[in-house]
Amino acid sequence: MLVETYETPEVDEQGTVECEAEALELIESLDLEGQRELTRQTEDGEVKRVPYPKVTKEQGVVIQAVCPKETKLNEYSDQAIPLRILQVAAHAKDLFDYLVVWHPENADEKDPYLIGCNGESWSSSRELYLLARWGEELLPWGEMVTKAGALIRGKRLTKLREIVSLAKAAIEATESADPEAAIELSATPSYYDH
């Protein structure tokens, strides 16, 4: 099983940010508001920096195309989670509101992602952080983009063909309608009447 984690390079083997105290002190003395936003106070009152990158818009689109299912970490049961991923989750649990696994619909497809989340799942302002991924092959990013593009294109073409089919059926029904049927069509407005 392959594992990839996304901590910043200053993280030691236990997932602890190296020179944490010095970094926090410099953030305060330099009044680095943006960096201050990347800190969290844990349940025991300790302030820690978030050592994981935010998910970019492109990453979100690509990963969710390949791994469209989102399951809270405590409910994930498609496969055993490797020890290193569990260690990352243990380190990250106090840094985020909750942790989720983005994974494919089909358990035969592998390579799920562990994501840290701040904010409600329905909120457009929800912040997502890339923590780790694991699986049999861990596709390189370029291959992920290619795979996501094919999946997105396929779904979009299917939906567009469905819309075209419905539009053709509506045109045929309208063209062949006698006056009474045309009035009936107007009495039950559809998307095509606007």
Foldseek 3Di string as FASTA:
>chain_A
DDKDWAFAPQADPLRARPPFVVVVVCCVVVVVVVQQVQWAQFPVRDIGGNRFAWQDPVNVLLLCLQQVDKDFPVPDDLDDDDPSVVSLCVVCVRSAPGKIWRGHPDSVDAKIWIWGWHDDPPDPPIIITGTMIDDDPPDDPVVSNVVSVVSVVVVVVVVVVVVVVVVVVVVVQCVPDDPVSVVVCVVDDDPVVD
